[in-house]
Structure formats: structure tokens, C-alpha cells
Amino acid sequence: WGDYAGGPAPGLSFWSAGWLHRTE
């Protein structure tokens, strides 16, 4: 597990917010 809970991780960019909104 290491730092899976709260540590470094891949994930969605903040700049993907437009995609999350636009795709509905």
C-alpha cells in the first residue's frame, strides 16, 4: 500500500474540469 492513501498518485488534472462539465 505504501502511501496509496493520500500520497503521490496519478489522477485527473485540475484542467480536466471543463471536460467533466462539458461531457455532462
mmCIF file of all heavy atoms, coordinates in Angstrom:
data_MODEL
# 
_entry.id   MODEL 
# 
loop_
_atom_site.group_PDB 
_atom_site.id 
_atom_site.type_symbol 
_atom_site.label_atom_id 
_atom_site.label_alt_id 
_atom_site.label_comp_id 
_atom_site.label_asym_id 
_atom_site.label_entity_id 
_atom_site.label_seq_id 
_atom_site.pdbx_PDB_ins_code 
_atom_site.Cartn_x 
_atom_site.Cartn_y 
_atom_site.Cartn_z 
_atom_site.occupancy 
_atom_site.B_iso_or_equiv 
_atom_site.pdbx_formal_charge 
_atom_site.auth_seq_id 
_atom_site.auth_comp_id 
_atom_site.auth_asym_id 
_atom_site.auth_atom_id 
_atom_site.pdbx_PDB_model_num 
ATOM 1   N N   . TRP A 1 1  ? 0.811   -1.216 0.000   1.00 0.00 ? 1  TRP A N   1 
ATOM 2   C CA  . TRP A 1 1  ? 0.000   0.000  0.000   1.00 0.00 ? 1  TRP A CA  1 
ATOM 3   C C   . TRP A 1 1  ? 0.841   1.261  0.000   1.00 0.00 ? 1  TRP A C   1 
ATOM 4   O O   . TRP A 1 1  ? 0.503   2.245  -0.645  1.00 0.00 ? 1  TRP A O   1 
ATOM 5   C CB  . TRP A 1 1  ? -0.937  0.017  1.206   1.00 0.00 ? 1  TRP A CB  1 
ATOM 6   C CG  . TRP A 1 1  ? -2.085  -0.929 1.127   1.00 0.00 ? 1  TRP A CG  1 
ATOM 7   C CD1 . TRP A 1 1  ? -2.343  -1.978 1.963   1.00 0.00 ? 1  TRP A CD1 1 
ATOM 8   C CD2 . TRP A 1 1  ? -3.157  -0.918 0.168   1.00 0.00 ? 1  TRP A CD2 1 
ATOM 9   N NE1 . TRP A 1 1  ? -3.504  -2.632 1.581   1.00 0.00 ? 1  TRP A NE1 1 
ATOM 10  C CE2 . TRP A 1 1  ? -4.015  -2.002 0.485   1.00 0.00 ? 1  TRP A CE2 1 
ATOM 11  C CE3 . TRP A 1 1  ? -3.467  -0.130 -0.931  1.00 0.00 ? 1  TRP A CE3 1 
ATOM 12  C CZ2 . TRP A 1 1  ? -5.171  -2.295 -0.250  1.00 0.00 ? 1  TRP A CZ2 1 
ATOM 13  C CZ3 . TRP A 1 1  ? -4.608  -0.417 -1.669  1.00 0.00 ? 1  TRP A CZ3 1 
ATOM 14  C CH2 . TRP A 1 1  ? -5.436  -1.486 -1.322  1.00 0.00 ? 1  TRP A CH2 1 
ATOM 15  N N   . GLY A 1 2  ? 1.936   1.273  0.755   1.00 0.00 ? 2  GLY A N   1 
ATOM 16  C CA  . GLY A 1 2  ? 2.760   2.478  0.813   1.00 0.00 ? 2  GLY A CA  1 
ATOM 17  C C   . GLY A 1 2  ? 1.912   3.700  1.158   1.00 0.00 ? 2  GLY A C   1 
ATOM 18  O O   . GLY A 1 2  ? 1.155   3.691  2.126   1.00 0.00 ? 2  GLY A O   1 
ATOM 19  N N   . ASP A 1 3  ? 2.038   4.744  0.340   1.00 0.00 ? 3  ASP A N   1 
ATOM 20  C CA  . ASP A 1 3  ? 1.289   5.986  0.560   1.00 0.00 ? 3  ASP A CA  1 
ATOM 21  C C   . ASP A 1 3  ? 0.071   6.089  -0.350  1.00 0.00 ? 3  ASP A C   1 
ATOM 22  O O   . ASP A 1 3  ? -0.348  7.193  -0.709  1.00 0.00 ? 3  ASP A O   1 
ATOM 23  C CB  . ASP A 1 3  ? 2.194   7.194  0.342   1.00 0.00 ? 3  ASP A CB  1 
ATOM 24  C CG  . ASP A 1 3  ? 3.259   7.317  1.410   1.00 0.00 ? 3  ASP A CG  1 
ATOM 25  O OD1 . ASP A 1 3  ? 2.984   6.952  2.569   1.00 0.00 ? 3  ASP A OD1 1 
ATOM 26  O OD2 . ASP A 1 3  ? 4.378   7.775  1.092   1.00 0.00 ? 3  ASP A OD2 1 
ATOM 27  N N   . TYR A 1 4  ? -0.492  4.944  -0.739  1.00 0.00 ? 4  TYR A N   1 
ATOM 28  C CA  . TYR A 1 4  ? -1.687  4.959  -1.597  1.00 0.00 ? 4  TYR A CA  1 
ATOM 29  C C   . TYR A 1 4  ? -2.766  5.871  -1.014  1.00 0.00 ? 4  TYR A C   1 
ATOM 30  O O   . TYR A 1 4  ? -3.404  6.625  -1.749  1.00 0.00 ? 4  TYR A O   1 
ATOM 31  C CB  . TYR A 1 4  ? -2.213  3.530  -1.744  1.00 0.00 ? 4  TYR A CB  1 
ATOM 32  C CG  . TYR A 1 4  ? -3.490  3.392  -2.540  1.00 0.00 ? 4  TYR A CG  1 
ATOM 33  C CD1 . TYR A 1 4  ? -3.470  3.338  -3.937  1.00 0.00 ? 4  TYR A CD1 1 
ATOM 34  C CD2 . TYR A 1 4  ? -4.727  3.280  -1.912  1.00 0.00 ? 4  TYR A CD2 1 
ATOM 35  C CE1 . TYR A 1 4  ? -4.630  3.187  -4.678  1.00 0.00 ? 4  TYR A CE1 1 
ATOM 36  C CE2 . TYR A 1 4  ? -5.898  3.130  -2.647  1.00 0.00 ? 4  TYR A CE2 1 
ATOM 37  C CZ  . TYR A 1 4  ? -5.846  3.084  -4.023  1.00 0.00 ? 4  TYR A CZ  1 
ATOM 38  O OH  . TYR A 1 4  ? -7.013  2.939  -4.745  1.00 0.00 ? 4  TYR A OH  1 
ATOM 39  N N   . ALA A 1 5  ? -2.966  5.807  0.294   1.00 0.00 ? 5  ALA A N   1 
ATOM 40  C CA  . ALA A 1 5  ? -3.982  6.643  0.950   1.00 0.00 ? 5  ALA A CA  1 
ATOM 41  C C   . ALA A 1 5  ? -3.419  8.029  1.232   1.00 0.00 ? 5  ALA A C   1 
ATOM 42  O O   . ALA A 1 5  ? -2.908  8.306  2.313   1.00 0.00 ? 5  ALA A O   1 
ATOM 43  C CB  . ALA A 1 5  ? -4.474  5.992  2.238   1.00 0.00 ? 5  ALA A CB  1 
ATOM 44  N N   . GLY A 1 6  ? -3.484  8.885  0.226   1.00 0.00 ? 6  GLY A N   1 
ATOM 45  C CA  . GLY A 1 6  ? -3.136  10.287 0.417   1.00 0.00 ? 6  GLY A CA  1 
ATOM 46  C C   . GLY A 1 6  ? -1.805  10.724 -0.129  1.00 0.00 ? 6  GLY A C   1 
ATOM 47  O O   . GLY A 1 6  ? -1.509  11.914 -0.145  1.00 0.00 ? 6  GLY A O   1 
ATOM 48  N N   . GLY A 1 7  ? -0.981  9.780  -0.592  1.00 0.00 ? 7  GLY A N   1 
ATOM 49  C CA  . GLY A 1 7  ? 0.327   10.149 -1.111  1.00 0.00 ? 7  GLY A CA  1 
ATOM 50  C C   . GLY A 1 7  ? 0.310   10.448 -2.597  1.00 0.00 ? 7  GLY A C   1 
ATOM 51  O O   . GLY A 1 7  ? -0.755  10.631 -3.202  1.00 0.00 ? 7  GLY A O   1 
ATOM 52  N N   . PRO A 1 8  ? 1.483   10.512 -3.208  1.00 0.00 ? 8  PRO A N   1 
ATOM 53  C CA  . PRO A 1 8  ? 1.566   10.780 -4.650  1.00 0.00 ? 8  PRO A CA  1 
ATOM 54  C C   . PRO A 1 8  ? 0.781   9.749  -5.457  1.00 0.00 ? 8  PRO A C   1 
ATOM 55  O O   . PRO A 1 8  ? 0.770   8.564  -5.131  1.00 0.00 ? 8  PRO A O   1 
ATOM 56  C CB  . PRO A 1 8  ? 3.068   10.695 -4.931  1.00 0.00 ? 8  PRO A CB  1 
ATOM 57  C CG  . PRO A 1 8  ? 3.713   11.014 -3.629  1.00 0.00 ? 8  PRO A CG  1 
ATOM 58  C CD  . PRO A 1 8  ? 2.821   10.411 -2.588  1.00 0.00 ? 8  PRO A CD  1 
ATOM 59  N N   . ALA A 1 9  ? 0.147   10.214 -6.522  1.00 0.00 ? 9  ALA A N   1 
ATOM 60  C CA  . ALA A 1 9  ? -0.689  9.337  -7.344  1.00 0.00 ? 9  ALA A CA  1 
ATOM 61  C C   . ALA A 1 9  ? -0.938  9.980  -8.695  1.00 0.00 ? 9  ALA A C   1 
ATOM 62  O O   . ALA A 1 9  ? -0.965  11.208 -8.818  1.00 0.00 ? 9  ALA A O   1 
ATOM 63  C CB  . ALA A 1 9  ? -2.032  9.077  -6.652  1.00 0.00 ? 9  ALA A CB  1 
ATOM 64  N N   . PRO A 1 10 ? -1.138  9.147  -9.719  1.00 0.00 ? 10 PRO A N   1 
ATOM 65  C CA  . PRO A 1 10 ? -1.696  9.694  -10.953 1.00 0.00 ? 10 PRO A CA  1 
ATOM 66  C C   . PRO A 1 10 ? -3.147  10.069 -10.716 1.00 0.00 ? 10 PRO A C   1 
ATOM 67  O O   . PRO A 1 10 ? -3.786  9.563  -9.779  1.00 0.00 ? 10 PRO A O   1 
ATOM 68  C CB  . PRO A 1 10 ? -1.568  8.523  -11.937 1.00 0.00 ? 10 PRO A CB  1 
ATOM 69  C CG  . PRO A 1 10 ? -1.605  7.307  -11.075 1.00 0.00 ? 10 PRO A CG  1 
ATOM 70  C CD  . PRO A 1 10 ? -0.973  7.686  -9.766  1.00 0.00 ? 10 PRO A CD  1 
ATOM 71  N N   . GLY A 1 11 ? -3.671  10.934 -11.529 1.00 0.00 ? 11 GLY A N   1 
ATOM 72  C CA  . GLY A 1 11 ? -5.072  11.309 -11.358 1.00 0.00 ? 11 GLY A CA  1 
ATOM 73  C C   . GLY A 1 11 ? -5.454  12.412 -12.322 1.00 0.00 ? 11 GLY A C   1 
ATOM 74  O O   . GLY A 1 11 ? -4.626  12.910 -13.093 1.00 0.00 ? 11 GLY A O   1 
ATOM 75  N N   . LEU A 1 12 ? -6.717  12.790 -12.276 1.00 0.00 ? 12 LEU A N   1 
ATOM 76  C CA  . LEU A 1 12 ? -7.200  13.806 -13.204 1.00 0.00 ? 12 LEU A CA  1 
ATOM 77  C C   . LEU A 1 12 ? -6.580  15.164 -12.906 1.00 0.00 ? 12 LEU A C   1 
ATOM 78  O O   . LEU A 1 12 ? -6.461  15.570 -11.745 1.00 0.00 ? 12 LEU A O   1 
ATOM 79  C CB  . LEU A 1 12 ? -8.724  13.900 -13.150 1.00 0.00 ? 12 LEU A CB  1 
ATOM 80  C CG  . LEU A 1 12 ? -9.444  12.958 -14.132 1.00 0.00 ? 12 LEU A CG  1 
ATOM 81  C CD1 . LEU A 1 12 ? -9.294  11.505 -13.704 1.00 0.00 ? 12 LEU A CD1 1 
ATOM 82  C CD2 . LEU A 1 12 ? -10.905 13.325 -14.258 1.00 0.00 ? 12 LEU A CD2 1 
ATOM 83  N N   . SER A 1 13 ? -6.197  15.844 -13.954 1.00 0.00 ? 13 SER A N   1 
ATOM 84  C CA  . SER A 1 13 ? -5.671  17.198 -13.842 1.00 0.00 ? 13 SER A CA  1 
ATOM 85  C C   . SER A 1 13 ? -6.783  18.161 -13.444 1.00 0.00 ? 13 SER A C   1 
ATOM 86  O O   . SER A 1 13 ? -7.946  17.979 -13.822 1.00 0.00 ? 13 SER A O   1 
ATOM 87  C CB  . SER A 1 13 ? -5.071  17.624 -15.183 1.00 0.00 ? 13 SER A CB  1 
ATOM 88  O OG  . SER A 1 13 ? -4.802  19.013 -15.206 1.00 0.00 ? 13 SER A OG  1 
ATOM 89  N N   . PHE A 1 14 ? -6.403  19.199 -12.722 1.00 0.00 ? 14 PHE A N   1 
ATOM 90  C CA  . PHE A 1 14 ? -7.364  20.269 -12.433 1.00 0.00 ? 14 PHE A CA  1 
ATOM 91  C C   . PHE A 1 14 ? -7.958  20.815 -13.724 1.00 0.00 ? 14 PHE A C   1 
ATOM 92  O O   . PHE A 1 14 ? -9.135  21.174 -13.784 1.00 0.00 ? 14 PHE A O   1 
ATOM 93  C CB  . PHE A 1 14 ? -6.677  21.392 -11.657 1.00 0.00 ? 14 PHE A CB  1 
ATOM 94  C CG  . PHE A 1 14 ? -7.559  22.590 -11.435 1.00 0.00 ? 14 PHE A CG  1 
ATOM 95  C CD1 . PHE A 1 14 ? -8.480  22.603 -10.414 1.00 0.00 ? 14 PHE A CD1 1 
ATOM 96  C CD2 . PHE A 1 14 ? -7.475  23.706 -12.267 1.00 0.00 ? 14 PHE A CD2 1 
ATOM 97  C CE1 . PHE A 1 14 ? -9.318  23.703 -10.208 1.00 0.00 ? 14 PHE A CE1 1 
ATOM 98  C CE2 . PHE A 1 14 ? -8.292  24.800 -12.080 1.00 0.00 ? 14 PHE A CE2 1 
ATOM 99  C CZ  . PHE A 1 14 ? -9.223  24.803 -11.038 1.00 0.00 ? 14 PHE A CZ  1 
ATOM 100 N N   . TRP A 1 15 ? -7.152  20.810 -14.781 1.00 0.00 ? 15 TRP A N   1 
ATOM 101 C CA  . TRP A 1 15 ? -7.576  21.410 -16.040 1.00 0.00 ? 15 TRP A CA  1 
ATOM 102 C C   . TRP A 1 15 ? -8.511  20.493 -16.835 1.00 0.00 ? 15 TRP A C   1 
ATOM 103 O O   . TRP A 1 15 ? -8.942  20.866 -17.929 1.00 0.00 ? 15 TRP A O   1 
ATOM 104 C CB  . TRP A 1 15 ? -6.353  21.803 -16.862 1.00 0.00 ? 15 TRP A CB  1 
ATOM 105 C CG  . TRP A 1 15 ? -5.437  22.682 -16.069 1.00 0.00 ? 15 TRP A CG  1 
ATOM 106 C CD1 . TRP A 1 15 ? -4.247  22.360 -15.513 1.00 0.00 ? 15 TRP A CD1 1 
ATOM 107 C CD2 . TRP A 1 15 ? -5.687  24.046 -15.691 1.00 0.00 ? 15 TRP A CD2 1 
ATOM 108 N NE1 . TRP A 1 15 ? -3.715  23.425 -14.815 1.00 0.00 ? 15 TRP A NE1 1 
ATOM 109 C CE2 . TRP A 1 15 ? -4.582  24.478 -14.913 1.00 0.00 ? 15 TRP A CE2 1 
ATOM 110 C CE3 . TRP A 1 15 ? -6.730  24.950 -15.933 1.00 0.00 ? 15 TRP A CE3 1 
ATOM 111 C CZ2 . TRP A 1 15 ? -4.494  25.753 -14.379 1.00 0.00 ? 15 TRP A CZ2 1 
ATOM 112 C CZ3 . TRP A 1 15 ? -6.632  26.231 -15.401 1.00 0.00 ? 15 TRP A CZ3 1 
ATOM 113 C CH2 . TRP A 1 15 ? -5.532  26.623 -14.638 1.00 0.00 ? 15 TRP A CH2 1 
ATOM 114 N N   . SER A 1 16 ? -8.844  19.335 -16.266 1.00 0.00 ? 16 SER A N   1 
ATOM 115 C CA  . SER A 1 16 ? -9.857  18.477 -16.883 1.00 0.00 ? 16 SER A CA  1 
ATOM 116 C C   . SER A 1 16 ? -11.272 18.856 -16.455 1.00 0.00 ? 16 SER A C   1 
ATOM 117 O O   . SER A 1 16 ? -12.242 18.241 -16.905 1.00 0.00 ? 16 SER A O   1 
ATOM 118 C CB  . SER A 1 16 ? -9.602  17.003 -16.538 1.00 0.00 ? 16 SER A CB  1 
ATOM 119 O OG  . SER A 1 16 ? -9.853  16.748 -15.166 1.00 0.00 ? 16 SER A OG  1 
ATOM 120 N N   . ALA A 1 17 ? -11.403 19.863 -15.609 1.00 0.00 ? 17 ALA A N   1 
ATOM 121 C CA  . ALA A 1 17 ? -12.725 20.262 -15.108 1.00 0.00 ? 17 ALA A CA  1 
ATOM 122 C C   . ALA A 1 17 ? -13.676 20.621 -16.248 1.00 0.00 ? 17 ALA A C   1 
ATOM 123 O O   . ALA A 1 17 ? -14.873 20.307 -16.188 1.00 0.00 ? 17 ALA A O   1 
ATOM 124 C CB  . ALA A 1 17 ? -12.594 21.441 -14.140 1.00 0.00 ? 17 ALA A CB  1 
ATOM 125 N N   . GLY A 1 18 ? -13.161 21.266 -17.282 1.00 0.00 ? 18 GLY A N   1 
ATOM 126 C CA  . GLY A 1 18 ? -14.009 21.622 -18.419 1.00 0.00 ? 18 GLY A CA  1 
ATOM 127 C C   . GLY A 1 18 ? -14.566 20.396 -19.117 1.00 0.00 ? 18 GLY A C   1 
ATOM 128 O O   . GLY A 1 18 ? -15.730 20.379 -19.530 1.00 0.00 ? 18 GLY A O   1 
ATOM 129 N N   . TRP A 1 19 ? -13.748 19.350 -19.252 1.00 0.00 ? 19 TRP A N   1 
ATOM 130 C CA  . TRP A 1 19 ? -14.211 18.095 -19.869 1.00 0.00 ? 19 TRP A CA  1 
ATOM 131 C C   . TRP A 1 19 ? -15.285 17.451 -19.001 1.00 0.00 ? 19 TRP A C   1 
ATOM 132 O O   . TRP A 1 19 ? -16.302 16.984 -19.522 1.00 0.00 ? 19 TRP A O   1 
ATOM 133 C CB  . TRP A 1 19 ? -13.014 17.160 -20.041 1.00 0.00 ? 19 TRP A CB  1 
ATOM 134 C CG  . TRP A 1 19 ? -13.311 15.874 -20.763 1.00 0.00 ? 19 TRP A CG  1 
ATOM 135 C CD1 . TRP A 1 19 ? -13.218 15.650 -22.103 1.00 0.00 ? 19 TRP A CD1 1 
ATOM 136 C CD2 . TRP A 1 19 ? -13.725 14.629 -20.179 1.00 0.00 ? 19 TRP A CD2 1 
ATOM 137 N NE1 . TRP A 1 19 ? -13.558 14.343 -22.391 1.00 0.00 ? 19 TRP A NE1 1 
ATOM 138 C CE2 . TRP A 1 19 ? -13.868 13.701 -21.228 1.00 0.00 ? 19 TRP A CE2 1 
ATOM 139 C CE3 . TRP A 1 19 ? -13.988 14.220 -18.871 1.00 0.00 ? 19 TRP A CE3 1 
ATOM 140 C CZ2 . TRP A 1 19 ? -14.269 12.372 -21.007 1.00 0.00 ? 19 TRP A CZ2 1 
ATOM 141 C CZ3 . TRP A 1 19 ? -14.385 12.909 -18.641 1.00 0.00 ? 19 TRP A CZ3 1 
ATOM 142 C CH2 . TRP A 1 19 ? -14.520 12.004 -19.703 1.00 0.00 ? 19 TRP A CH2 1 
ATOM 143 N N   . LEU A 1 20 ? -15.071 17.429 -17.699 1.00 0.00 ? 20 LEU A N   1 
ATOM 144 C CA  . LEU A 1 20 ? -16.044 16.832 -16.780 1.00 0.00 ? 20 LEU A CA  1 
ATOM 145 C C   . LEU A 1 20 ? -17.394 17.545 -16.872 1.00 0.00 ? 20 LEU A C   1 
ATOM 146 O O   . LEU A 1 20 ? -18.453 16.918 -16.769 1.00 0.00 ? 20 LEU A O   1 
ATOM 147 C CB  . LEU A 1 20 ? -15.519 16.889 -15.345 1.00 0.00 ? 20 LEU A CB  1 
ATOM 148 C CG  . LEU A 1 20 ? -14.259 16.076 -15.045 1.00 0.00 ? 20 LEU A CG  1 
ATOM 149 C CD1 . LEU A 1 20 ? -13.736 16.398 -13.653 1.00 0.00 ? 20 LEU A CD1 1 
ATOM 150 C CD2 . LEU A 1 20 ? -14.518 14.577 -15.190 1.00 0.00 ? 20 LEU A CD2 1 
ATOM 151 N N   . HIS A 1 21 ? -17.343 18.849 -17.078 1.00 0.00 ? 21 HIS A N   1 
ATOM 152 C CA  . HIS A 1 21 ? -18.570 19.636 -17.168 1.00 0.00 ? 21 HIS A CA  1 
ATOM 153 C C   . HIS A 1 21 ? -19.202 19.530 -18.549 1.00 0.00 ? 21 HIS A C   1 
ATOM 154 O O   . HIS A 1 21 ? -20.409 19.306 -18.679 1.00 0.00 ? 21 HIS A O   1 
ATOM 155 C CB  . HIS A 1 21 ? -18.248 21.102 -16.853 1.00 0.00 ? 21 HIS A CB  1 
ATOM 156 C CG  . HIS A 1 21 ? -19.427 22.016 -16.939 1.00 0.00 ? 21 HIS A CG  1 
ATOM 157 N ND1 . HIS A 1 21 ? -19.681 22.816 -18.044 1.00 0.00 ? 21 HIS A ND1 1 
ATOM 158 C CD2 . HIS A 1 21 ? -20.432 22.260 -16.063 1.00 0.00 ? 21 HIS A CD2 1 
ATOM 159 C CE1 . HIS A 1 21 ? -20.781 23.520 -17.837 1.00 0.00 ? 21 HIS A CE1 1 
ATOM 160 N NE2 . HIS A 1 21 ? -21.262 23.205 -16.649 1.00 0.00 ? 21 HIS A NE2 1 
ATOM 161 N N   . ARG A 1 22 ? -18.395 19.644 -19.566 1.00 0.00 ? 22 ARG A N   1 
ATOM 162 C CA  . ARG A 1 22 ? -18.904 19.714 -20.938 1.00 0.00 ? 22 ARG A CA  1 
ATOM 163 C C   . ARG A 1 22 ? -19.501 18.385 -21.414 1.00 0.00 ? 22 ARG A C   1 
ATOM 164 O O   . ARG A 1 22 ? -20.483 18.366 -22.164 1.00 0.00 ? 22 ARG A O   1 
ATOM 165 C CB  . ARG A 1 22 ? -17.772 20.140 -21.873 1.00 0.00 ? 22 ARG A CB  1 
ATOM 166 C CG  . ARG A 1 22 ? -18.188 20.397 -23.308 1.00 0.00 ? 22 ARG A CG  1 
ATOM 167 C CD  . ARG A 1 22 ? -17.062 21.026 -24.095 1.00 0.00 ? 22 ARG A CD  1 
ATOM 168 N NE  . ARG A 1 22 ? -15.849 20.220 -24.103 1.00 0.00 ? 22 ARG A NE  1 
ATOM 169 C CZ  . ARG A 1 22 ? -14.774 20.457 -23.361 1.00 0.00 ? 22 ARG A CZ  1 
ATOM 170 N NH1 . ARG A 1 22 ? -14.738 21.516 -22.557 1.00 0.00 ? 22 ARG A NH1 1 
ATOM 171 N NH2 . ARG A 1 22 ? -13.707 19.682 -23.427 1.00 0.00 ? 22 ARG A NH2 1 
ATOM 172 N N   . THR A 1 23 ? -18.927 17.271 -20.995 1.00 0.00 ? 23 THR A N   1 
ATOM 173 C CA  . THR A 1 23 ? -19.431 15.965 -21.423 1.00 0.00 ? 23 THR A CA  1 
ATOM 174 C C   . THR A 1 23 ? -20.759 15.603 -20.775 1.00 0.00 ? 23 THR A C   1 
ATOM 175 O O   . THR A 1 23 ? -21.448 14.692 -21.227 1.00 0.00 ? 23 THR A O   1 
ATOM 176 C CB  . THR A 1 23 ? -18.412 14.861 -21.105 1.00 0.00 ? 23 THR A CB  1 
ATOM 177 O OG1 . THR A 1 23 ? -18.077 14.930 -19.713 1.00 0.00 ? 23 THR A OG1 1 
ATOM 178 C CG2 . THR A 1 23 ? -17.158 15.000 -21.957 1.00 0.00 ? 23 THR A CG2 1 
ATOM 179 N N   . GLU A 1 24 ? -21.105 16.290 -19.689 1.00 0.00 ? 24 GLU A N   1 
ATOM 180 C CA  . GLU A 1 24 ? -22.361 16.041 -18.965 1.00 0.00 ? 24 GLU A CA  1 
ATOM 181 C C   . GLU A 1 24 ? -22.451 14.600 -18.460 1.00 0.00 ? 24 GLU A C   1 
ATOM 182 O O   . GLU A 1 24 ? -23.511 13.980 -18.450 1.00 0.00 ? 24 GLU A O   1 
ATOM 183 C CB  . GLU A 1 24 ? -23.576 16.402 -19.823 1.00 0.00 ? 24 GLU A CB  1 
ATOM 184 C CG  . GLU A 1 24 ? -23.629 17.875 -20.193 1.00 0.00 ? 24 GLU A CG  1 
ATOM 185 C CD  . GLU A 1 24 ? -24.893 18.268 -20.937 1.00 0.00 ? 24 GLU A CD  1 
ATOM 186 O OE1 . GLU A 1 24 ? -25.472 17.408 -21.628 1.00 0.00 ? 24 GLU A OE1 1 
ATOM 187 O OE2 . GLU A 1 24 ? -25.306 19.435 -20.812 1.00 0.00 ? 24 GLU A OE2 1 
# 
